[in-house]
Protein backbone atom coordinates (compact mmCIF):
# COMPACT_ATOMS: atom_id res chain seq x y z
CA MET A 1 76.75 169.47 117.80
CA LYS A 2 78.69 169.70 121.38
CA ASN A 3 81.53 171.60 119.91
CA ASP A 4 78.94 174.10 118.82
CA LEU A 5 77.45 174.21 122.43
CA ARG A 6 80.81 174.63 124.00
CA GLN A 7 81.88 177.32 121.36
CA ASN A 8 78.47 179.19 122.52
CA ILE A 9 79.11 178.92 126.06
CA ALA A 10 82.81 180.35 125.49
CA ALA A 11 81.06 183.34 123.59
CA ILE A 12 78.72 183.91 126.40
CA ILE A 13 81.14 183.71 129.33
CA SER A 14 83.71 186.26 127.15
CA ALA A 15 81.14 188.64 126.68
CA ALA A 16 79.99 188.71 129.88
CA ALA A 17 83.20 189.21 131.27
CA ALA A 18 84.04 191.84 128.66
CA GLY A 19 80.52 193.38 129.77
CA ALA A 20 82.14 193.44 133.29
CA VAL A 21 85.08 194.85 132.54
CA PHE A 22 83.63 197.81 130.75
CA ILE A 23 81.17 198.63 133.43
CA ILE A 24 83.98 198.59 136.13
CA LEU A 25 86.21 200.70 133.90
CA LEU A 26 83.50 203.07 133.02
CA PHE A 27 81.65 203.65 136.41
CA LEU A 28 83.80 202.61 139.01
CA LEU A 29 87.33 203.70 137.69
CA GLU A 30 85.77 206.68 135.36
CA TRP A 31 88.02 206.00 132.73
CA SER A 32 87.27 207.26 129.24
CA VAL A 33 84.94 205.39 127.04
CA PHE A 34 87.71 205.69 124.54
CA ILE A 35 89.68 203.52 126.33
CA ASP A 36 87.17 201.27 128.10
CA VAL A 37 85.63 200.00 124.64
CA PRO A 38 89.18 198.81 123.36
CA VAL A 39 89.81 197.20 126.47
CA ALA A 40 86.63 195.52 126.66
CA ILE A 41 86.94 194.16 123.27
CA GLY A 42 90.33 192.93 123.77
CA THR A 43 89.05 191.21 126.86
CA TYR A 44 86.35 189.36 124.99
CA ALA A 45 88.92 188.36 122.16
CA GLY A 46 91.43 187.03 124.44
CA LEU A 47 89.25 185.14 126.77
CA TYR A 48 87.21 183.52 123.81
CA LEU A 49 90.60 182.32 122.17
CA VAL A 50 91.48 180.66 125.43
CA THR A 51 88.13 179.38 126.42
CA LYS A 52 86.61 178.27 123.18
CA PRO A 53 87.11 174.21 122.50
CA LYS A 54 89.73 172.95 120.26
CA ARG A 55 88.26 171.25 117.09
CA ARG A 56 90.32 167.75 116.76
CA ILE A 57 90.26 164.81 114.97
CA GLY A 58 91.52 162.11 117.34
CA ASN A 59 94.38 163.70 119.29
CA MET A 60 95.25 166.29 116.52
CA ASP A 61 94.11 170.04 116.47
CA ILE A 62 92.58 170.55 112.92
CA ASP A 63 94.24 173.90 113.11
CA PHE A 64 97.58 172.18 112.57
CA ILE A 65 96.26 169.97 109.90
CA GLU A 66 96.61 171.10 106.17
CA ASN A 67 92.94 171.72 105.36
CA GLY A 68 91.86 170.46 108.70
CA ALA A 69 88.53 171.69 108.11
CA GLU A 70 87.98 169.81 104.80
CA LEU A 71 89.36 166.86 106.61
CA GLU A 72 86.89 167.07 109.55
CA GLN A 73 83.91 167.35 107.00
CA LYS A 74 84.96 164.47 105.21
CA LEU A 75 85.14 162.20 108.20
CA LEU A 76 81.50 163.83 109.08
CA GLU A 77 80.16 162.53 105.76
CA ALA A 78 81.85 159.14 106.55
CA LYS A 79 80.03 159.12 109.82
CA GLU A 80 76.71 159.94 108.63
CA ASP A 81 76.87 157.34 105.98
CA TYR A 82 77.89 154.72 108.48
CA ASP A 83 74.85 155.59 110.59
CA SER A 84 72.58 155.43 107.53
CA ILE A 85 74.00 151.90 106.90
CA LYS A 86 73.44 150.91 110.62
CA ARG A 87 69.81 152.26 110.66
CA SER A 88 69.19 150.38 107.45
CA ILE A 89 70.35 147.16 108.92
CA LEU A 90 67.81 147.39 111.67
CA LYS A 91 64.83 147.06 108.95
CA ILE A 92 66.42 144.42 106.78
CA GLY A 93 64.30 141.36 106.89
CA ASP A 94 66.46 138.97 104.48
CA MET A 95 69.03 137.56 106.50
CA GLN A 96 71.44 137.00 103.96
CA VAL A 97 71.29 140.83 103.06
CA LYS A 98 71.38 141.60 106.60
CA ASP A 99 74.47 139.61 106.99
CA GLU A 100 76.35 141.41 104.13
CA ALA A 101 75.13 144.54 105.29
CA GLU A 102 76.64 144.06 108.82
CA LYS A 103 80.11 143.08 107.34
CA LEU A 104 79.85 146.31 105.57
CA ALA A 105 79.26 148.04 108.82
CA GLU A 106 81.65 146.53 110.80
CA THR A 107 84.33 147.34 108.24
CA SER A 108 83.07 150.96 107.59
CA ALA A 109 83.26 151.31 111.62
CA ALA A 110 87.04 149.87 111.65
CA ILE A 111 88.00 152.22 108.96
CA ILE A 112 86.48 155.34 110.57
CA GLU A 113 88.01 154.50 113.76
CA TYR A 114 91.32 154.04 111.96
CA LEU A 115 90.80 157.50 110.01
CA GLU A 116 90.20 159.10 113.52
CA GLN A 117 93.35 157.82 114.76
CA ASN A 118 95.28 158.55 111.75
CA PRO A 119 93.57 161.97 110.19
CA LEU A 120 96.40 162.42 107.63
CA LYS A 121 95.01 159.43 106.12
CA ILE A 122 91.54 160.77 105.15
CA ARG A 123 92.97 162.25 101.97
CA GLN A 124 93.57 158.50 101.13
CA ALA A 125 90.24 157.43 102.06
CA ARG A 126 88.36 159.72 99.79
CA GLN A 127 87.33 157.09 97.44
CA PHE A 128 85.92 154.86 100.11
CA ILE A 129 84.03 157.85 101.57
CA ASP A 130 82.82 159.69 98.46
CA TYR A 131 82.12 156.47 96.54
CA TYR A 132 82.03 153.06 97.95
CA GLN A 133 80.60 153.76 101.46
CA ASP A 134 78.23 156.39 99.98
CA SER A 135 77.16 153.75 97.42
CA ALA A 136 76.48 151.22 100.15
CA SER A 137 74.34 153.52 102.13
CA LYS A 138 72.01 154.38 99.24
CA LEU A 139 71.65 151.09 97.91
CA LEU A 140 70.55 149.67 101.50
CA SER A 141 67.98 152.66 101.44
CA LYS A 142 66.49 151.79 98.37
CA TYR A 143 66.56 148.11 99.34
CA ILE A 144 64.44 149.05 102.20
CA GLY A 145 62.10 150.90 99.93
CA LEU A 146 61.71 148.04 97.74
CA GLN A 147 61.03 145.62 100.79
CA ASP A 148 58.67 148.00 102.48
CA ALA A 149 56.88 148.40 99.21
CA ASN A 150 55.96 144.76 99.70
CA ILE A 151 55.49 144.05 96.01
CA GLU A 152 56.70 140.71 94.61
CA THR A 153 56.98 141.18 90.89
CA ALA A 154 59.61 139.35 89.07
CA GLU A 155 61.74 142.67 88.58
CA ILE A 156 61.63 143.44 92.12
CA ILE A 157 62.62 140.10 92.95
CA GLN A 158 65.63 140.13 90.74
CA LEU A 159 66.60 143.54 92.05
CA LYS A 160 66.74 142.26 95.39
CA LYS A 161 69.04 139.31 94.37
CA ASP A 162 71.19 141.76 92.66
CA THR A 163 71.27 143.77 95.91
CA ARG A 164 72.54 140.89 97.53
CA SER A 165 75.41 140.25 95.10
CA ALA A 166 76.22 143.89 94.79
CA LEU A 167 76.51 143.92 98.77
CA GLY A 168 79.04 141.05 98.72
CA THR A 169 81.07 142.89 96.04
CA LEU A 170 81.07 146.15 98.16
CA ASN A 171 82.37 143.84 101.01
CA LYS A 172 85.35 143.11 98.96
CA ALA A 173 85.79 146.67 97.94
CA PHE A 174 85.49 147.78 101.85
CA SER A 175 88.25 145.29 102.60
CA GLY A 176 90.53 146.44 99.65
CA GLN A 177 90.26 149.98 100.81
CA PHE A 178 90.88 149.24 104.13
CA GLU A 179 94.21 147.30 103.29
CA LYS A 180 95.11 150.04 101.21
CA LEU A 181 94.89 152.56 104.10
CA MET A 182 96.88 150.25 106.29
CA ARG A 183 99.59 149.10 103.87
CA GLY A 184 102.32 151.23 105.43
CA GLU A 185 101.42 149.88 108.72
CA LEU A 186 101.33 146.25 107.25
CA THR A 187 104.58 146.73 105.47
CA ASP A 188 106.33 147.98 108.96
CA MET A 189 104.63 144.90 110.67
CA GLN A 190 106.04 142.64 108.15
CA ALA A 191 109.72 143.96 108.29
CA GLU A 192 109.31 143.77 112.40
CA ILE A 193 108.38 140.16 112.16
CA GLU A 194 111.11 139.28 109.69
CA LEU A 195 113.63 140.97 112.04
CA LEU A 196 112.34 139.16 114.91
CA GLU A 197 112.75 135.60 113.12
CA GLN A 198 116.37 136.66 112.05
CA THR A 199 117.40 138.03 115.48
CA VAL A 200 115.86 134.55 117.25
CA LYS A 201 117.78 132.72 114.25
CA MET A 202 121.01 134.09 115.13
CA GLU A 203 120.36 133.49 118.96
CA MET A 204 119.65 129.84 118.12
CA ASP A 205 122.93 129.45 115.96
CA LYS A 206 125.18 130.65 118.56
């Protein structure tokens, strides 16, 4: 939304500058209109390219990321599902369900932050975004529907119990997905720890 506003502002500024250039060339300098028009268009295009905001994921310009726009959209979907989960949490009355949902939101927030810092990992997070997080968002929305209906039939009571169990399963899946994404970093960290331990041991043996 903010990016669209900045793009609109850049377009307006560029158009105003191009219009001013056209008027100056045509009326003050009395250049031919056949020269004025291309110069004005060039002014607009050049100024817009300079002033338009860069679309980024973290610190990376999406124009320099393969399929950057697609990855940006996928991250946006993840944020939308996260927002949906947070909205559902505010409405949940059952404390056990609320606790499980809050754990999901916490892990989801950590994964999204990690993906913003490591946009090339978004491809690896597709299963998390398209299936696990989307499933969590929809499950909680349906749970809120059951809760708001305020009907306590045996079937609905069982569905609520099943929801609590499913949220526990999803929490394990969320953690597993996060661990997969961070596997390279965890391996590097373990290697650094082992090197540190070996270095300390060699120093002590001297």
